[in-house]
Every structure is written in C-alpha cells, then in structure tokens.
Amino acid sequence: MNKQLPELIAFLENYNRWRRSSYLYEQPVPEELGQRLDQAVDLLKKMTWQPMETAPKDREFLGVWGSKDVPPGEAFDVFIYDEDRKRFMFSSHGAHIYLPIETHGPWAWMEIPKYEP
C-alpha cells in the first residue's frame, strides 16, 4: 500500500469530523486541505477508467477492449502505443497483438496499479 495513503485517509477523516462540529479535532489549515484534496483527486484518477483519447503514448497501461458491437469490456490487457504504426497494441504471452480496428477497439484505460509493500 502507498505509505502516504493511510496518512491521507486519516487527514480527510479528521477534517470531516471537524467539519461536522466535533470539537475534538482542530480546524485544518486551508492550504494543507487543498493539497490533500488534490492528492485524493490524483489517486482517484489513477483508479478510474478514462477515455482512450487521453491514453498515454509513452508507457504501458491497463486497457479494456472488446467488440464494437457490444462495448465495453470483453477483455482487459496491458496496452502500449506503437509509434511506427500509430496504433495501440496489447501484449499476450510475450507477443504484441493489434486489435482489428474495424471490428474491435480499446474502450478505456487506467494506470497499472503499482505494488508498494
């Protein structure tokens, strides 16, 4: 787990208790509150499916793909952008595979979660 996450959770929980008029918690400094909210938004963005138009072209990401007739989500794979072909491809057992763009498409992407003990 990200070591900053428990600290962020505790801060936001304490803020919410203070906001609900609990006198056991101090009012947070507005500047710190803004920074913590930005941090929470960044974490949520990493855990949310985003449109393919915003997919990164400089690193791998998790993509959901499937038939254009029945979107979304027949499969999930690790995708990367092929600069030479100007297309996204996914990796399957060490081979790079291109989707038949006439019938299939990647629908959305998200960051690959990183394991942090």
N, C-alpha and C. Protein backbone atom coordinates (compact mmCIF):
# COMPACT_ATOMS: atom_id res chain seq x y z
N MET A 1 0.84 -1.18 0.00
CA MET A 1 0.00 0.00 0.00
C MET A 1 0.89 1.24 0.00
N ASN A 2 0.47 2.24 -0.72
CA ASN A 2 1.18 3.51 -0.74
C ASN A 2 1.27 4.05 0.68
N LYS A 3 2.48 4.34 1.14
CA LYS A 3 2.67 4.76 2.54
C LYS A 3 2.00 6.10 2.82
N GLN A 4 1.78 6.92 1.80
CA GLN A 4 1.10 8.19 2.00
C GLN A 4 -0.41 8.02 2.15
N LEU A 5 -0.95 6.92 1.66
CA LEU A 5 -2.39 6.73 1.67
C LEU A 5 -2.99 6.70 3.07
N PRO A 6 -2.44 5.94 4.03
CA PRO A 6 -3.03 5.96 5.38
C PRO A 6 -3.01 7.36 6.00
N GLU A 7 -1.95 8.12 5.72
CA GLU A 7 -1.86 9.49 6.24
C GLU A 7 -2.94 10.38 5.60
N LEU A 8 -3.15 10.23 4.31
CA LEU A 8 -4.18 11.00 3.60
C LEU A 8 -5.57 10.64 4.14
N ILE A 9 -5.83 9.36 4.31
CA ILE A 9 -7.13 8.92 4.83
C ILE A 9 -7.37 9.51 6.21
N ALA A 10 -6.38 9.43 7.09
CA ALA A 10 -6.53 9.97 8.45
C ALA A 10 -6.80 11.47 8.41
N PHE A 11 -6.08 12.19 7.55
CA PHE A 11 -6.28 13.64 7.46
C PHE A 11 -7.70 13.95 7.02
N LEU A 12 -8.18 13.27 5.97
CA LEU A 12 -9.53 13.55 5.47
C LEU A 12 -10.62 13.13 6.46
N GLU A 13 -10.40 12.03 7.16
CA GLU A 13 -11.36 11.63 8.19
C GLU A 13 -11.41 12.66 9.31
N ASN A 14 -10.26 13.12 9.75
CA ASN A 14 -10.23 14.14 10.81
C ASN A 14 -10.87 15.44 10.34
N TYR A 15 -10.60 15.81 9.10
CA TYR A 15 -11.22 17.02 8.56
C TYR A 15 -12.74 16.89 8.57
N ASN A 16 -13.22 15.74 8.15
CA ASN A 16 -14.67 15.55 8.08
C ASN A 16 -15.30 15.57 9.48
N ARG A 17 -14.61 15.01 10.46
CA ARG A 17 -15.12 15.06 11.84
C ARG A 17 -15.16 16.51 12.33
N TRP A 18 -14.10 17.28 12.04
CA TRP A 18 -14.10 18.69 12.43
C TRP A 18 -15.24 19.44 11.74
N ARG A 19 -15.44 19.16 10.45
CA ARG A 19 -16.48 19.82 9.66
C ARG A 19 -17.87 19.54 10.22
N ARG A 20 -18.02 18.38 10.83
CA ARG A 20 -19.31 18.01 11.43
C ARG A 20 -19.44 18.50 12.86
N SER A 21 -18.60 19.45 13.22
CA SER A 21 -18.67 20.13 14.51
C SER A 21 -18.15 19.32 15.68
N SER A 22 -17.22 18.43 15.43
CA SER A 22 -16.59 17.74 16.53
C SER A 22 -15.48 18.64 17.07
N TYR A 23 -15.55 18.97 18.33
CA TYR A 23 -14.57 19.87 18.93
C TYR A 23 -13.29 19.14 19.35
N LEU A 24 -13.22 17.85 19.09
CA LEU A 24 -12.03 17.08 19.42
C LEU A 24 -10.95 17.21 18.34
N TYR A 25 -11.29 17.81 17.22
CA TYR A 25 -10.36 17.90 16.10
C TYR A 25 -10.12 19.37 15.76
N GLU A 26 -8.88 19.69 15.39
CA GLU A 26 -8.53 21.05 15.04
C GLU A 26 -8.93 21.36 13.59
N GLN A 27 -9.24 22.62 13.37
CA GLN A 27 -9.52 23.07 12.01
C GLN A 27 -8.23 22.97 11.20
N PRO A 28 -8.30 22.33 10.03
CA PRO A 28 -7.08 22.21 9.22
C PRO A 28 -6.72 23.55 8.58
N VAL A 29 -5.47 23.69 8.26
CA VAL A 29 -5.00 24.87 7.54
C VAL A 29 -5.56 24.76 6.12
N PRO A 30 -6.26 25.80 5.62
CA PRO A 30 -6.88 25.70 4.29
C PRO A 30 -5.90 25.30 3.18
N GLU A 31 -4.68 25.79 3.23
CA GLU A 31 -3.69 25.43 2.20
C GLU A 31 -3.39 23.93 2.22
N GLU A 32 -3.24 23.37 3.43
CA GLU A 32 -2.98 21.93 3.53
C GLU A 32 -4.20 21.13 3.07
N LEU A 33 -5.40 21.60 3.42
CA LEU A 33 -6.61 20.92 2.97
C LEU A 33 -6.65 20.86 1.45
N GLY A 34 -6.34 21.97 0.79
CA GLY A 34 -6.33 21.98 -0.67
C GLY A 34 -5.33 21.01 -1.25
N GLN A 35 -4.15 20.92 -0.65
CA GLN A 35 -3.13 20.00 -1.13
C GLN A 35 -3.58 18.55 -0.95
N ARG A 36 -4.20 18.26 0.18
CA ARG A 36 -4.66 16.89 0.44
C ARG A 36 -5.81 16.51 -0.50
N LEU A 37 -6.69 17.47 -0.80
CA LEU A 37 -7.77 17.18 -1.75
C LEU A 37 -7.20 16.93 -3.14
N ASP A 38 -6.20 17.70 -3.54
CA ASP A 38 -5.54 17.46 -4.83
C ASP A 38 -4.93 16.06 -4.87
N GLN A 39 -4.30 15.66 -3.77
CA GLN A 39 -3.70 14.32 -3.67
C GLN A 39 -4.77 13.24 -3.81
N ALA A 40 -5.91 13.44 -3.15
CA ALA A 40 -7.00 12.46 -3.23
C ALA A 40 -7.54 12.37 -4.66
N VAL A 41 -7.71 13.50 -5.32
CA VAL A 41 -8.20 13.51 -6.69
C VAL A 41 -7.21 12.78 -7.61
N ASP A 42 -5.92 13.02 -7.45
CA ASP A 42 -4.92 12.33 -8.26
C ASP A 42 -5.00 10.82 -8.07
N LEU A 43 -5.16 10.38 -6.83
CA LEU A 43 -5.28 8.94 -6.57
C LEU A 43 -6.54 8.37 -7.21
N LEU A 44 -7.64 9.08 -7.13
CA LEU A 44 -8.90 8.60 -7.73
C LEU A 44 -8.80 8.52 -9.25
N LYS A 45 -8.13 9.48 -9.85
CA LYS A 45 -7.95 9.45 -11.31
C LYS A 45 -7.19 8.20 -11.74
N LYS A 46 -6.22 7.79 -10.94
CA LYS A 46 -5.42 6.61 -11.27
C LYS A 46 -6.24 5.33 -11.15
N MET A 47 -7.34 5.38 -10.42
CA MET A 47 -8.15 4.19 -10.20
C MET A 47 -9.45 4.23 -11.00
N THR A 48 -9.55 5.11 -11.99
CA THR A 48 -10.78 5.30 -12.75
C THR A 48 -10.51 5.08 -14.23
N TRP A 49 -11.44 4.43 -14.90
CA TRP A 49 -11.33 4.26 -16.35
C TRP A 49 -11.45 5.63 -17.01
N GLN A 50 -10.56 5.88 -17.96
CA GLN A 50 -10.53 7.15 -18.67
C GLN A 50 -10.67 6.91 -20.17
N PRO A 51 -11.13 7.93 -20.92
CA PRO A 51 -11.32 7.74 -22.36
C PRO A 51 -10.01 7.46 -23.09
N MET A 52 -10.08 6.65 -24.12
CA MET A 52 -8.88 6.28 -24.88
C MET A 52 -8.19 7.49 -25.51
N GLU A 53 -8.93 8.54 -25.78
CA GLU A 53 -8.33 9.73 -26.37
C GLU A 53 -7.25 10.32 -25.46
N THR A 54 -7.32 10.00 -24.18
CA THR A 54 -6.35 10.54 -23.22
C THR A 54 -5.28 9.52 -22.83
N ALA A 55 -5.27 8.36 -23.47
CA ALA A 55 -4.33 7.29 -23.11
C ALA A 55 -2.88 7.73 -23.36
N PRO A 56 -1.97 7.36 -22.47
CA PRO A 56 -0.57 7.74 -22.64
C PRO A 56 0.07 6.99 -23.80
N LYS A 57 0.99 7.64 -24.45
CA LYS A 57 1.71 7.01 -25.56
C LYS A 57 3.17 6.75 -25.21
N ASP A 58 3.50 6.96 -23.93
CA ASP A 58 4.89 6.80 -23.51
C ASP A 58 5.10 5.70 -22.48
N ARG A 59 4.04 4.94 -22.17
CA ARG A 59 4.17 3.89 -21.16
C ARG A 59 3.01 2.89 -21.29
N GLU A 60 3.18 1.77 -20.62
CA GLU A 60 2.11 0.76 -20.60
C GLU A 60 0.98 1.21 -19.71
N PHE A 61 -0.22 0.70 -20.00
CA PHE A 61 -1.39 0.97 -19.18
C PHE A 61 -2.36 -0.20 -19.31
N LEU A 62 -3.31 -0.27 -18.42
CA LEU A 62 -4.33 -1.30 -18.45
C LEU A 62 -5.47 -0.80 -19.33
N GLY A 63 -5.87 -1.62 -20.30
CA GLY A 63 -6.94 -1.22 -21.20
C GLY A 63 -8.07 -2.23 -21.20
N VAL A 64 -9.28 -1.73 -21.38
CA VAL A 64 -10.44 -2.60 -21.55
C VAL A 64 -10.81 -2.53 -23.03
N TRP A 65 -11.07 -3.68 -23.63
CA TRP A 65 -11.35 -3.71 -25.05
C TRP A 65 -12.40 -4.74 -25.36
N GLY A 66 -12.91 -4.68 -26.55
CA GLY A 66 -13.89 -5.66 -26.98
C GLY A 66 -14.50 -5.29 -28.31
N SER A 67 -15.51 -6.04 -28.69
CA SER A 67 -16.19 -5.85 -29.95
C SER A 67 -16.87 -4.49 -29.99
N LYS A 68 -16.85 -3.86 -31.15
CA LYS A 68 -17.53 -2.57 -31.30
C LYS A 68 -19.04 -2.74 -31.26
N ASP A 69 -19.53 -3.97 -31.47
CA ASP A 69 -20.96 -4.23 -31.43
C ASP A 69 -21.48 -4.34 -30.00
N VAL A 70 -20.62 -4.76 -29.07
CA VAL A 70 -21.04 -4.98 -27.70
C VAL A 70 -20.04 -4.35 -26.73
N PRO A 71 -19.87 -3.04 -26.76
CA PRO A 71 -18.92 -2.43 -25.83
C PRO A 71 -19.54 -2.31 -24.46
N PRO A 72 -18.78 -2.06 -23.46
CA PRO A 72 -17.35 -2.26 -23.37
C PRO A 72 -17.04 -3.54 -22.64
N GLY A 73 -15.85 -3.96 -22.73
CA GLY A 73 -15.30 -4.86 -21.76
C GLY A 73 -15.38 -6.34 -21.91
N GLU A 74 -14.98 -6.87 -23.06
CA GLU A 74 -14.85 -8.31 -23.14
C GLU A 74 -13.54 -8.77 -22.51
N ALA A 75 -12.54 -7.89 -22.54
CA ALA A 75 -11.22 -8.29 -22.06
C ALA A 75 -10.45 -7.11 -21.51
N PHE A 76 -9.48 -7.43 -20.67
CA PHE A 76 -8.58 -6.44 -20.09
C PHE A 76 -7.16 -6.90 -20.39
N ASP A 77 -6.34 -5.98 -20.87
CA ASP A 77 -4.96 -6.32 -21.18
C ASP A 77 -4.06 -5.12 -20.95
N VAL A 78 -2.76 -5.39 -20.95
CA VAL A 78 -1.78 -4.32 -20.86
C VAL A 78 -1.51 -3.83 -22.28
N PHE A 79 -1.72 -2.53 -22.50
CA PHE A 79 -1.54 -1.92 -23.81
C PHE A 79 -0.32 -1.01 -23.82
N ILE A 80 0.20 -0.79 -25.02
CA ILE A 80 1.26 0.19 -25.24
C ILE A 80 1.06 0.74 -26.66
N TYR A 81 1.54 1.95 -26.87
CA TYR A 81 1.38 2.59 -28.17
C TYR A 81 2.56 2.24 -29.07
N ASP A 82 2.27 1.86 -30.31
CA ASP A 82 3.30 1.58 -31.30
C ASP A 82 3.45 2.84 -32.16
N GLU A 83 4.54 3.55 -31.96
CA GLU A 83 4.78 4.82 -32.65
C GLU A 83 4.89 4.62 -34.16
N ASP A 84 5.46 3.50 -34.59
CA ASP A 84 5.62 3.26 -36.03
C ASP A 84 4.28 3.07 -36.73
N ARG A 85 3.38 2.32 -36.12
CA ARG A 85 2.08 2.03 -36.73
C ARG A 85 0.98 3.00 -36.29
N LYS A 86 1.30 3.85 -35.31
CA LYS A 86 0.33 4.82 -34.78
C LYS A 86 -0.94 4.13 -34.29
N ARG A 87 -0.71 3.03 -33.55
CA ARG A 87 -1.83 2.24 -33.00
C ARG A 87 -1.44 1.69 -31.66
N PHE A 88 -2.46 1.41 -30.85
CA PHE A 88 -2.24 0.72 -29.58
C PHE A 88 -2.21 -0.77 -29.84
N MET A 89 -1.37 -1.47 -29.11
CA MET A 89 -1.30 -2.92 -29.19
C MET A 89 -1.26 -3.47 -27.77
N PHE A 90 -1.63 -4.73 -27.61
CA PHE A 90 -1.52 -5.33 -26.29
C PHE A 90 -0.61 -6.53 -26.33
N SER A 91 -0.15 -6.90 -25.16
CA SER A 91 0.80 -7.99 -25.05
C SER A 91 0.09 -9.23 -24.56
N SER A 92 0.33 -10.34 -25.23
CA SER A 92 -0.28 -11.61 -24.83
C SER A 92 0.80 -12.69 -24.90
N HIS A 93 1.20 -13.18 -23.76
CA HIS A 93 2.22 -14.24 -23.68
C HIS A 93 3.48 -13.86 -24.44
N GLY A 94 3.89 -12.60 -24.30
CA GLY A 94 5.13 -12.13 -24.92
C GLY A 94 4.99 -11.64 -26.35
N ALA A 95 3.83 -11.84 -26.96
CA ALA A 95 3.62 -11.38 -28.34
C ALA A 95 2.81 -10.09 -28.32
N HIS A 96 3.11 -9.20 -29.24
CA HIS A 96 2.34 -7.97 -29.38
C HIS A 96 1.23 -8.20 -30.39
N ILE A 97 0.02 -7.84 -30.00
CA ILE A 97 -1.16 -8.10 -30.83
C ILE A 97 -1.88 -6.78 -31.09
N TYR A 98 -2.25 -6.58 -32.34
CA TYR A 98 -3.03 -5.41 -32.73
C TYR A 98 -4.49 -5.82 -32.86
N LEU A 99 -5.38 -5.01 -32.34
CA LEU A 99 -6.80 -5.28 -32.46
C LEU A 99 -7.25 -5.00 -33.90
N PRO A 100 -8.18 -5.80 -34.42
CA PRO A 100 -8.73 -5.45 -35.73
C PRO A 100 -9.64 -4.23 -35.57
N ILE A 101 -9.13 -3.05 -35.91
CA ILE A 101 -9.82 -1.81 -35.57
C ILE A 101 -11.17 -1.66 -36.27
N GLU A 102 -11.41 -2.44 -37.30
CA GLU A 102 -12.70 -2.38 -37.97
C GLU A 102 -13.80 -2.99 -37.09
N THR A 103 -13.44 -3.98 -36.30
CA THR A 103 -14.45 -4.70 -35.51
C THR A 103 -14.26 -4.60 -34.01
N HIS A 104 -13.05 -4.28 -33.56
CA HIS A 104 -12.76 -4.24 -32.13
C HIS A 104 -12.04 -2.94 -31.80
N GLY A 105 -12.14 -2.57 -30.56
CA GLY A 105 -11.43 -1.37 -30.16
C GLY A 105 -11.13 -1.34 -28.68
N PRO A 106 -10.07 -0.66 -28.32
CA PRO A 106 -9.88 -0.38 -26.89
C PRO A 106 -10.86 0.72 -26.51
N TRP A 107 -11.53 0.55 -25.37
CA TRP A 107 -12.59 1.48 -24.98
C TRP A 107 -12.15 2.48 -23.92
N ALA A 108 -11.31 2.05 -23.02
CA ALA A 108 -10.91 2.92 -21.91
C ALA A 108 -9.59 2.42 -21.35
N TRP A 109 -8.96 3.27 -20.54
CA TRP A 109 -7.67 2.91 -19.96
C TRP A 109 -7.58 3.40 -18.53
N MET A 110 -6.63 2.82 -17.79
CA MET A 110 -6.28 3.30 -16.45
C MET A 110 -4.83 2.93 -16.19
N GLU A 111 -4.25 3.61 -15.21
CA GLU A 111 -2.88 3.30 -14.81
C GLU A 111 -2.82 1.88 -14.26
N ILE A 112 -1.69 1.23 -14.44
CA ILE A 112 -1.47 -0.08 -13.84
C ILE A 112 -1.11 0.16 -12.38
N PRO A 113 -1.88 -0.43 -11.48
CA PRO A 113 -1.55 -0.23 -10.05
C PRO A 113 -0.15 -0.75 -9.74
N LYS A 114 0.57 -0.02 -8.95
CA LYS A 114 1.92 -0.42 -8.54
C LYS A 114 1.84 -1.01 -7.14
N TYR A 115 2.53 -2.11 -6.96
CA TYR A 115 2.58 -2.74 -5.64
C TYR A 115 3.64 -2.03 -4.80
N GLU A 116 3.23 -1.53 -3.68
CA GLU A 116 4.14 -0.88 -2.75
C GLU A 116 3.88 -1.46 -1.36
N PRO A 117 4.75 -2.38 -0.89
CA PRO A 117 4.52 -3.01 0.42
C PRO A 117 4.63 -2.02 1.56
